[in-house]
Amino acid sequence: MLDRPVSFLLAGIALAGAAIGGAWFSELGLGYVPCMLCLWQRIPYYVAALPALVALALVAGGRAPRVTGWLALGLALVFLVSAGLGLYHAGVEWKLWAGPAGCGGRVELTAPSFQDFQKSLQKARVVLCDEAPMRVLGLSFAGWNAVASLIIAGLFGRAAQLFRRG
């Protein structure tokens, strides 16, 4: 049976993996084109990947619980930043404040010829940061990212607390 700090660490990693996987699935599987702020919200997940892997390796080796605790604390802070990015984007969507100037999405540049490229530009959708593509239970993707990030930060924070106790 897993001890409690490892359980919190693994739960945080699993939820983070599910969240970033959901973002990629919504883009690649469901066709939602992310705006610039959506892409910014993915950065903390990528930043967290290496420290999370190091923490897993330390746990698997049964070594360095204090270092693992510091890594978990760092991960908690990364996901607090992620929650802030999600809240900022959700506020932009609710028109509570302005988003960055020129906030659009990506344009696919896979056209084989210049004429095909011109046609693809005519069909390209501009994705604005202040328009939520859909809401589930009143929250947009950005809002759900904020919620998930707060939960993930809490899980890593609790793991850090328990690891540092020894």
N, C-alpha and C. Protein backbone atom coordinates (compact mmCIF):
# COMPACT_ATOMS: atom_id res chain seq x y z
N MET A 1 0.84 -1.18 0.00
CA MET A 1 0.00 0.00 0.00
C MET A 1 0.88 1.25 0.00
N LEU A 2 0.45 2.27 -0.73
CA LEU A 2 1.21 3.50 -0.81
C LEU A 2 1.05 4.32 0.47
N ASP A 3 2.14 4.99 0.85
CA ASP A 3 2.00 5.88 1.99
C ASP A 3 1.35 7.18 1.54
N ARG A 4 0.91 7.98 2.48
CA ARG A 4 0.10 9.15 2.17
C ARG A 4 0.80 10.18 1.30
N PRO A 5 2.06 10.57 1.55
CA PRO A 5 2.63 11.60 0.68
C PRO A 5 2.76 11.13 -0.77
N VAL A 6 3.07 9.86 -0.95
CA VAL A 6 3.18 9.33 -2.31
C VAL A 6 1.82 9.34 -2.99
N SER A 7 0.77 9.02 -2.24
CA SER A 7 -0.58 9.03 -2.80
C SER A 7 -0.97 10.43 -3.27
N PHE A 8 -0.66 11.45 -2.48
CA PHE A 8 -0.97 12.82 -2.89
C PHE A 8 -0.15 13.22 -4.11
N LEU A 9 1.11 12.84 -4.12
CA LEU A 9 1.98 13.15 -5.26
C LEU A 9 1.44 12.49 -6.53
N LEU A 10 1.11 11.21 -6.45
CA LEU A 10 0.60 10.49 -7.62
C LEU A 10 -0.74 11.04 -8.08
N ALA A 11 -1.60 11.41 -7.13
CA ALA A 11 -2.90 11.99 -7.51
C ALA A 11 -2.70 13.32 -8.24
N GLY A 12 -1.76 14.14 -7.77
CA GLY A 12 -1.47 15.40 -8.45
C GLY A 12 -0.95 15.19 -9.85
N ILE A 13 -0.04 14.24 -9.99
CA ILE A 13 0.52 13.94 -11.31
C ILE A 13 -0.56 13.39 -12.24
N ALA A 14 -1.41 12.51 -11.73
CA ALA A 14 -2.47 11.92 -12.56
C ALA A 14 -3.47 12.99 -13.01
N LEU A 15 -3.86 13.86 -12.10
CA LEU A 15 -4.82 14.91 -12.47
C LEU A 15 -4.20 15.89 -13.45
N ALA A 16 -2.94 16.23 -13.25
CA ALA A 16 -2.25 17.12 -14.19
C ALA A 16 -2.17 16.47 -15.57
N GLY A 17 -1.85 15.19 -15.62
CA GLY A 17 -1.80 14.47 -16.89
C GLY A 17 -3.16 14.43 -17.57
N ALA A 18 -4.21 14.22 -16.79
CA ALA A 18 -5.56 14.20 -17.36
C ALA A 18 -5.95 15.58 -17.88
N ALA A 19 -5.55 16.63 -17.16
CA ALA A 19 -5.91 17.99 -17.58
C ALA A 19 -5.22 18.37 -18.89
N ILE A 20 -3.93 18.16 -18.99
CA ILE A 20 -3.23 18.52 -20.23
C ILE A 20 -3.64 17.58 -21.36
N GLY A 21 -3.90 16.33 -21.03
CA GLY A 21 -4.43 15.40 -22.03
C GLY A 21 -5.79 15.85 -22.54
N GLY A 22 -6.63 16.36 -21.66
CA GLY A 22 -7.93 16.88 -22.07
C GLY A 22 -7.80 18.08 -22.98
N ALA A 23 -6.82 18.94 -22.69
CA ALA A 23 -6.59 20.10 -23.55
C ALA A 23 -6.18 19.66 -24.95
N TRP A 24 -5.26 18.72 -25.01
CA TRP A 24 -4.83 18.21 -26.32
C TRP A 24 -5.95 17.47 -27.03
N PHE A 25 -6.76 16.72 -26.29
CA PHE A 25 -7.88 16.01 -26.90
C PHE A 25 -8.91 16.99 -27.45
N SER A 26 -9.19 18.06 -26.70
CA SER A 26 -10.17 19.03 -27.19
C SER A 26 -9.69 19.70 -28.47
N GLU A 27 -8.36 19.86 -28.59
CA GLU A 27 -7.81 20.46 -29.81
C GLU A 27 -7.75 19.45 -30.95
N LEU A 28 -7.07 18.34 -30.73
CA LEU A 28 -6.81 17.39 -31.81
C LEU A 28 -8.00 16.47 -32.10
N GLY A 29 -8.75 16.11 -31.06
CA GLY A 29 -9.86 15.18 -31.25
C GLY A 29 -11.18 15.85 -31.53
N LEU A 30 -11.42 16.99 -30.87
CA LEU A 30 -12.71 17.66 -31.01
C LEU A 30 -12.66 18.89 -31.91
N GLY A 31 -11.46 19.32 -32.28
CA GLY A 31 -11.32 20.41 -33.23
C GLY A 31 -11.39 21.82 -32.65
N TYR A 32 -11.30 21.96 -31.33
CA TYR A 32 -11.28 23.30 -30.74
C TYR A 32 -9.89 23.90 -30.92
N VAL A 33 -9.82 25.03 -31.61
CA VAL A 33 -8.55 25.69 -31.84
C VAL A 33 -8.25 26.57 -30.63
N PRO A 34 -7.09 26.39 -30.00
CA PRO A 34 -6.80 27.19 -28.81
C PRO A 34 -6.36 28.61 -29.17
N CYS A 35 -6.75 29.55 -28.34
CA CYS A 35 -6.28 30.92 -28.50
C CYS A 35 -4.92 31.05 -27.81
N MET A 36 -4.34 32.22 -27.88
CA MET A 36 -3.03 32.45 -27.28
C MET A 36 -3.05 32.21 -25.76
N LEU A 37 -4.09 32.67 -25.09
CA LEU A 37 -4.16 32.46 -23.64
C LEU A 37 -4.33 30.99 -23.29
N CYS A 38 -5.04 30.26 -24.13
CA CYS A 38 -5.17 28.80 -23.93
C CYS A 38 -3.79 28.15 -23.99
N LEU A 39 -3.00 28.58 -24.96
CA LEU A 39 -1.66 28.02 -25.11
C LEU A 39 -0.77 28.40 -23.93
N TRP A 40 -0.92 29.62 -23.43
CA TRP A 40 -0.16 30.04 -22.24
C TRP A 40 -0.48 29.15 -21.05
N GLN A 41 -1.74 28.73 -20.94
CA GLN A 41 -2.15 27.91 -19.80
C GLN A 41 -1.54 26.51 -19.83
N ARG A 42 -1.04 26.09 -20.96
CA ARG A 42 -0.40 24.79 -21.06
C ARG A 42 1.05 24.82 -20.55
N ILE A 43 1.66 25.98 -20.55
CA ILE A 43 3.07 26.09 -20.18
C ILE A 43 3.36 25.54 -18.79
N PRO A 44 2.57 25.86 -17.75
CA PRO A 44 2.87 25.28 -16.43
C PRO A 44 2.87 23.74 -16.43
N TYR A 45 2.02 23.14 -17.23
CA TYR A 45 1.99 21.68 -17.30
C TYR A 45 3.31 21.15 -17.88
N TYR A 46 3.84 21.84 -18.88
CA TYR A 46 5.11 21.42 -19.47
C TYR A 46 6.26 21.68 -18.50
N VAL A 47 6.21 22.80 -17.81
CA VAL A 47 7.25 23.11 -16.81
C VAL A 47 7.25 22.07 -15.70
N ALA A 48 6.08 21.59 -15.34
CA ALA A 48 5.95 20.64 -14.23
C ALA A 48 6.39 19.22 -14.59
N ALA A 49 6.49 18.92 -15.86
CA ALA A 49 6.75 17.53 -16.28
C ALA A 49 8.07 17.00 -15.73
N LEU A 50 9.15 17.73 -15.88
CA LEU A 50 10.46 17.23 -15.43
C LEU A 50 10.53 17.09 -13.91
N PRO A 51 10.16 18.11 -13.13
CA PRO A 51 10.19 17.91 -11.67
C PRO A 51 9.29 16.76 -11.20
N ALA A 52 8.17 16.58 -11.88
CA ALA A 52 7.28 15.47 -11.51
C ALA A 52 7.94 14.13 -11.78
N LEU A 53 8.63 14.02 -12.92
CA LEU A 53 9.35 12.77 -13.23
C LEU A 53 10.48 12.52 -12.24
N VAL A 54 11.20 13.57 -11.87
CA VAL A 54 12.27 13.42 -10.88
C VAL A 54 11.69 12.97 -9.54
N ALA A 55 10.59 13.58 -9.14
CA ALA A 55 9.94 13.19 -7.89
C ALA A 55 9.50 11.72 -7.93
N LEU A 56 8.96 11.30 -9.06
CA LEU A 56 8.56 9.89 -9.21
C LEU A 56 9.76 8.96 -9.11
N ALA A 57 10.86 9.35 -9.73
CA ALA A 57 12.08 8.52 -9.68
C ALA A 57 12.59 8.43 -8.25
N LEU A 58 12.56 9.53 -7.53
CA LEU A 58 13.01 9.50 -6.13
C LEU A 58 12.10 8.61 -5.28
N VAL A 59 10.81 8.72 -5.50
CA VAL A 59 9.86 7.88 -4.76
C VAL A 59 10.07 6.42 -5.10
N ALA A 60 10.24 6.12 -6.39
CA ALA A 60 10.44 4.73 -6.82
C ALA A 60 11.72 4.15 -6.22
N GLY A 61 12.74 4.99 -6.07
CA GLY A 61 14.00 4.54 -5.48
C GLY A 61 13.98 4.53 -3.96
N GLY A 62 12.89 5.03 -3.38
CA GLY A 62 12.78 5.05 -1.92
C GLY A 62 13.78 5.99 -1.27
N ARG A 63 14.17 7.05 -1.99
CA ARG A 63 15.22 7.93 -1.47
C ARG A 63 14.76 9.38 -1.45
N ALA A 64 15.47 10.15 -0.68
CA ALA A 64 15.37 11.61 -0.63
C ALA A 64 13.96 12.16 -0.43
N PRO A 65 13.30 11.77 0.68
CA PRO A 65 11.95 12.31 0.90
C PRO A 65 11.94 13.83 1.07
N ARG A 66 13.01 14.40 1.63
CA ARG A 66 13.05 15.87 1.79
C ARG A 66 13.14 16.55 0.43
N VAL A 67 13.96 16.01 -0.47
CA VAL A 67 14.08 16.58 -1.82
C VAL A 67 12.74 16.43 -2.54
N THR A 68 12.11 15.29 -2.39
CA THR A 68 10.81 15.06 -3.00
C THR A 68 9.80 16.07 -2.46
N GLY A 69 9.90 16.37 -1.19
CA GLY A 69 9.02 17.37 -0.59
C GLY A 69 9.22 18.74 -1.21
N TRP A 70 10.48 19.12 -1.43
CA TRP A 70 10.76 20.41 -2.06
C TRP A 70 10.28 20.43 -3.51
N LEU A 71 10.44 19.31 -4.20
CA LEU A 71 9.93 19.23 -5.58
C LEU A 71 8.40 19.37 -5.59
N ALA A 72 7.75 18.71 -4.66
CA ALA A 72 6.28 18.79 -4.58
C ALA A 72 5.85 20.22 -4.26
N LEU A 73 6.60 20.90 -3.41
CA LEU A 73 6.28 22.29 -3.11
C LEU A 73 6.44 23.16 -4.36
N GLY A 74 7.51 22.93 -5.11
CA GLY A 74 7.69 23.65 -6.37
C GLY A 74 6.56 23.39 -7.34
N LEU A 75 6.11 22.13 -7.40
CA LEU A 75 4.99 21.79 -8.28
C LEU A 75 3.71 22.49 -7.84
N ALA A 76 3.50 22.59 -6.53
CA ALA A 76 2.33 23.30 -6.02
C ALA A 76 2.36 24.76 -6.48
N LEU A 77 3.52 25.38 -6.41
CA LEU A 77 3.65 26.77 -6.84
C LEU A 77 3.40 26.92 -8.34
N VAL A 78 3.91 25.98 -9.12
CA VAL A 78 3.68 26.02 -10.58
C VAL A 78 2.18 25.97 -10.87
N PHE A 79 1.45 25.15 -10.14
CA PHE A 79 0.02 25.03 -10.41
C PHE A 79 -0.79 26.17 -9.82
N LEU A 80 -0.25 26.88 -8.85
CA LEU A 80 -0.89 28.13 -8.43
C LEU A 80 -0.79 29.16 -9.56
N VAL A 81 0.36 29.20 -10.22
CA VAL A 81 0.51 30.07 -11.39
C VAL A 81 -0.47 29.65 -12.48
N SER A 82 -0.59 28.35 -12.70
CA SER A 82 -1.53 27.84 -13.70
C SER A 82 -2.96 28.26 -13.37
N ALA A 83 -3.33 28.19 -12.10
CA ALA A 83 -4.67 28.62 -11.69
C ALA A 83 -4.85 30.11 -11.97
N GLY A 84 -3.81 30.89 -11.70
CA GLY A 84 -3.88 32.32 -11.99
C GLY A 84 -4.09 32.61 -13.47
N LEU A 85 -3.38 31.86 -14.32
CA LEU A 85 -3.56 32.02 -15.77
C LEU A 85 -4.99 31.66 -16.18
N GLY A 86 -5.52 30.59 -15.60
CA GLY A 86 -6.89 30.18 -15.91
C GLY A 86 -7.90 31.23 -15.46
N LEU A 87 -7.70 31.77 -14.26
CA LEU A 87 -8.61 32.81 -13.77
C LEU A 87 -8.52 34.07 -14.62
N TYR A 88 -7.30 34.44 -15.01
CA TYR A 88 -7.12 35.60 -15.88
C TYR A 88 -7.88 35.40 -17.19
N HIS A 89 -7.70 34.25 -17.82
CA HIS A 89 -8.36 33.98 -19.09
C HIS A 89 -9.88 33.94 -18.92
N ALA A 90 -10.35 33.32 -17.86
CA ALA A 90 -11.79 33.28 -17.61
C ALA A 90 -12.34 34.70 -17.44
N GLY A 91 -11.59 35.55 -16.76
CA GLY A 91 -12.01 36.94 -16.60
C GLY A 91 -12.07 37.68 -17.92
N VAL A 92 -11.14 37.37 -18.82
CA VAL A 92 -11.17 37.96 -20.17
C VAL A 92 -12.42 37.48 -20.89
N GLU A 93 -12.74 36.21 -20.76
CA GLU A 93 -13.94 35.66 -21.42
C GLU A 93 -15.22 36.28 -20.88
N TRP A 94 -15.27 36.56 -19.59
CA TRP A 94 -16.44 37.18 -18.97
C TRP A 94 -16.43 38.70 -19.14
N LYS A 95 -15.41 39.22 -19.85
CA LYS A 95 -15.28 40.67 -20.11
C LYS A 95 -15.10 41.47 -18.82
N LEU A 96 -14.47 40.85 -17.81
CA LEU A 96 -14.17 41.55 -16.56
C LEU A 96 -12.95 42.46 -16.73
N TRP A 97 -12.06 42.10 -17.64
CA TRP A 97 -10.89 42.90 -17.98
C TRP A 97 -10.47 42.54 -19.40
N ALA A 98 -9.64 43.40 -19.95
CA ALA A 98 -9.19 43.19 -21.33
C ALA A 98 -8.07 42.15 -21.37
N GLY A 99 -8.05 41.41 -22.44
CA GLY A 99 -6.96 40.47 -22.67
C GLY A 99 -5.83 41.16 -23.42
N PRO A 100 -4.78 40.41 -23.72
CA PRO A 100 -3.68 40.99 -24.48
C PRO A 100 -4.11 41.40 -25.88
N ALA A 101 -3.47 42.43 -26.41
CA ALA A 101 -3.78 42.86 -27.77
C ALA A 101 -3.37 41.77 -28.75
N GLY A 102 -4.17 41.59 -29.78
CA GLY A 102 -3.84 40.62 -30.82
C GLY A 102 -3.97 39.18 -30.37
N CYS A 103 -4.90 38.90 -29.51
CA CYS A 103 -5.04 37.55 -28.97
C CYS A 103 -5.86 36.70 -29.93
N GLY A 104 -5.18 35.91 -30.73
CA GLY A 104 -5.84 35.02 -31.69
C GLY A 104 -5.31 33.61 -31.55
N GLY A 105 -5.77 32.75 -32.41
CA GLY A 105 -5.37 31.35 -32.35
C GLY A 105 -4.29 31.02 -33.36
N ARG A 106 -4.15 29.76 -33.63
CA ARG A 106 -3.15 29.29 -34.59
C ARG A 106 -3.76 29.13 -35.96
N VAL A 107 -2.94 29.26 -36.98
CA VAL A 107 -3.35 29.00 -38.35
C VAL A 107 -2.49 27.83 -38.83
N GLU A 108 -3.15 26.82 -39.40
CA GLU A 108 -2.43 25.68 -39.93
C GLU A 108 -1.67 26.10 -41.19
N LEU A 109 -0.40 25.77 -41.28
CA LEU A 109 0.42 26.15 -42.42
C LEU A 109 0.92 24.89 -43.14
N THR A 110 0.02 23.97 -43.43
CA THR A 110 0.42 22.70 -44.03
C THR A 110 0.08 22.63 -45.52
N ALA A 111 -0.27 23.76 -46.13
CA ALA A 111 -0.66 23.76 -47.53
C ALA A 111 0.56 23.44 -48.42
N PRO A 112 0.40 22.55 -49.42
CA PRO A 112 1.54 22.15 -50.25
C PRO A 112 1.95 23.20 -51.28
N SER A 113 1.05 24.13 -51.65
CA SER A 113 1.41 25.14 -52.65
C SER A 113 0.96 26.51 -52.16
N PHE A 114 1.44 27.55 -52.84
CA PHE A 114 1.07 28.91 -52.45
C PHE A 114 -0.43 29.13 -52.63
N GLN A 115 -1.01 28.59 -53.70
CA GLN A 115 -2.44 28.74 -53.93
C GLN A 115 -3.25 28.05 -52.83
N ASP A 116 -2.80 26.86 -52.43
CA ASP A 116 -3.47 26.15 -51.34
C ASP A 116 -3.34 26.93 -50.03
N PHE A 117 -2.17 27.54 -49.85
CA PHE A 117 -1.95 28.35 -48.66
C PHE A 117 -2.91 29.53 -48.64
N GLN A 118 -3.08 30.20 -49.77
CA GLN A 118 -4.01 31.33 -49.85
C GLN A 118 -5.44 30.87 -49.55
N LYS A 119 -5.83 29.73 -50.08
CA LYS A 119 -7.17 29.21 -49.81
C LYS A 119 -7.34 28.88 -48.33
N SER A 120 -6.30 28.32 -47.72
CA SER A 120 -6.40 27.97 -46.30
C SER A 120 -6.52 29.23 -45.44
N LEU A 121 -5.88 30.32 -45.85
CA LEU A 121 -6.02 31.58 -45.11
C LEU A 121 -7.44 32.12 -45.19
N GLN A 122 -8.09 31.90 -46.32
CA GLN A 122 -9.47 32.38 -46.48
C GLN A 122 -10.43 31.58 -45.59
N LYS A 123 -10.09 30.34 -45.32
CA LYS A 123 -10.96 29.48 -44.50
C LYS A 123 -10.56 29.48 -43.03
N ALA A 124 -9.43 30.09 -42.70
CA ALA A 124 -8.92 30.04 -41.33
C ALA A 124 -9.86 30.74 -40.36
N ARG A 125 -10.04 30.12 -39.20
CA ARG A 125 -10.84 30.72 -38.14
C ARG A 125 -9.90 31.47 -37.20
N VAL A 126 -10.27 32.69 -36.88
CA VAL A 126 -9.53 33.42 -35.87
C VAL A 126 -10.21 33.15 -34.54
N VAL A 127 -9.45 32.68 -33.60
CA VAL A 127 -9.99 32.33 -32.30
C VAL A 127 -9.65 33.46 -31.34
N LEU A 128 -10.66 34.09 -30.80
CA LEU A 128 -10.44 35.21 -29.89
C LEU A 128 -10.38 34.72 -28.45
N CYS A 129 -9.56 35.39 -27.67
CA CYS A 129 -9.39 35.01 -26.27
C CYS A 129 -10.60 35.36 -25.41
N ASP A 130 -11.41 36.30 -25.88
CA ASP A 130 -12.53 36.75 -25.04
C ASP A 130 -13.85 36.05 -25.38
N GLU A 131 -13.77 34.98 -26.14
CA GLU A 131 -14.97 34.19 -26.46
C GLU A 131 -14.74 32.74 -26.08
N ALA A 132 -15.49 32.27 -25.12
CA ALA A 132 -15.38 30.86 -24.71
C ALA A 132 -16.06 29.99 -25.76
N PRO A 133 -15.37 28.97 -26.27
CA PRO A 133 -15.99 28.13 -27.31
C PRO A 133 -17.15 27.30 -26.78
N MET A 134 -17.13 27.02 -25.49
CA MET A 134 -18.26 26.31 -24.86
C MET A 134 -18.11 26.42 -23.35
N ARG A 135 -19.20 26.21 -22.66
CA ARG A 135 -19.19 26.23 -21.20
C ARG A 135 -19.85 24.94 -20.71
N VAL A 136 -19.28 24.38 -19.67
CA VAL A 136 -19.84 23.20 -19.02
C VAL A 136 -20.09 23.58 -17.57
N LEU A 137 -21.33 23.46 -17.15
CA LEU A 137 -21.73 23.87 -15.81
C LEU A 137 -21.31 25.31 -15.51
N GLY A 138 -21.40 26.15 -16.54
CA GLY A 138 -21.11 27.56 -16.39
C GLY A 138 -19.66 27.96 -16.52
N LEU A 139 -18.75 27.00 -16.63
CA LEU A 139 -17.33 27.30 -16.73
C LEU A 139 -16.80 26.95 -18.11
N SER A 140 -15.92 27.81 -18.61
CA SER A 140 -15.24 27.56 -19.87
C SER A 140 -14.05 26.63 -19.63
N PHE A 141 -13.34 26.31 -20.70
CA PHE A 141 -12.11 25.52 -20.54
C PHE A 141 -11.15 26.22 -19.59
N ALA A 142 -11.04 27.55 -19.72
CA ALA A 142 -10.14 28.31 -18.85
C ALA A 142 -10.59 28.22 -17.39
N GLY A 143 -11.88 28.32 -17.16
CA GLY A 143 -12.40 28.21 -15.80
C GLY A 143 -12.14 26.84 -15.20
N TRP A 144 -12.34 25.80 -16.01
CA TRP A 144 -12.08 24.44 -15.52
C TRP A 144 -10.59 24.22 -15.28
N ASN A 145 -9.74 24.85 -16.10
CA ASN A 145 -8.31 24.75 -15.85
C ASN A 145 -7.96 25.38 -14.51
N ALA A 146 -8.58 26.51 -14.19
CA ALA A 146 -8.32 27.16 -12.90
C ALA A 146 -8.72 26.24 -11.75
N VAL A 147 -9.89 25.62 -11.85
CA VAL A 147 -10.35 24.70 -10.81
C VAL A 147 -9.40 23.51 -10.68
N ALA A 148 -9.09 22.88 -11.81
CA ALA A 148 -8.19 21.71 -11.79
C ALA A 148 -6.83 22.10 -11.24
N SER A 149 -6.31 23.25 -11.65
CA SER A 149 -4.98 23.68 -11.18
C SER A 149 -4.97 23.92 -9.68
N LEU A 150 -6.04 24.48 -9.14
CA LEU A 150 -6.11 24.68 -7.68
C LEU A 150 -6.12 23.34 -6.94
N ILE A 151 -6.85 22.39 -7.48
CA ILE A 151 -6.88 21.05 -6.85
C ILE A 151 -5.50 20.41 -6.94
N ILE A 152 -4.87 20.49 -8.11
CA ILE A 152 -3.54 19.92 -8.29
C ILE A 152 -2.55 20.58 -7.35
N ALA A 153 -2.61 21.91 -7.24
CA ALA A 153 -1.72 22.64 -6.32
C ALA A 153 -1.95 22.16 -4.89
N GLY A 154 -3.19 21.94 -4.52
CA GLY A 154 -3.49 21.44 -3.18
C GLY A 154 -2.93 20.05 -2.93
N LEU A 155 -3.04 19.19 -3.92
CA LEU A 155 -2.50 17.83 -3.79
C LEU A 155 -0.98 17.86 -3.63
N PHE A 156 -0.32 18.64 -4.48
CA PHE A 156 1.14 18.74 -4.37
C PHE A 156 1.55 19.44 -3.07
N GLY A 157 0.80 20.43 -2.66
CA GLY A 157 1.10 21.10 -1.40
C GLY A 157 1.01 20.16 -0.21
N ARG A 158 -0.03 19.34 -0.21
CA ARG A 158 -0.18 18.37 0.89
C ARG A 158 0.93 17.32 0.82
N ALA A 159 1.29 16.87 -0.38
CA ALA A 159 2.40 15.92 -0.50
C ALA A 159 3.69 16.56 0.05
N ALA A 160 3.93 17.81 -0.29
CA ALA A 160 5.14 18.50 0.18
C ALA A 160 5.15 18.55 1.70
N GLN A 161 4.04 18.88 2.28
CA GLN A 161 3.93 18.96 3.74
C GLN A 161 4.25 17.61 4.39
N LEU A 162 3.68 16.54 3.84
CA LEU A 162 3.86 15.22 4.42
C LEU A 162 5.28 14.69 4.18
N PHE A 163 5.85 14.95 3.01
CA PHE A 163 7.22 14.51 2.74
C PHE A 163 8.22 15.22 3.65
N ARG A 164 8.00 16.48 3.88
CA ARG A 164 8.94 17.26 4.68
C ARG A 164 8.86 16.91 6.15
N ARG A 165 7.72 16.40 6.59
CA ARG A 165 7.61 15.93 7.97
C ARG A 165 8.47 14.70 8.20
N GLY A 166 8.62 13.95 7.10
CA GLY A 166 9.44 12.73 7.20
C GLY A 166 8.62 11.59 7.49
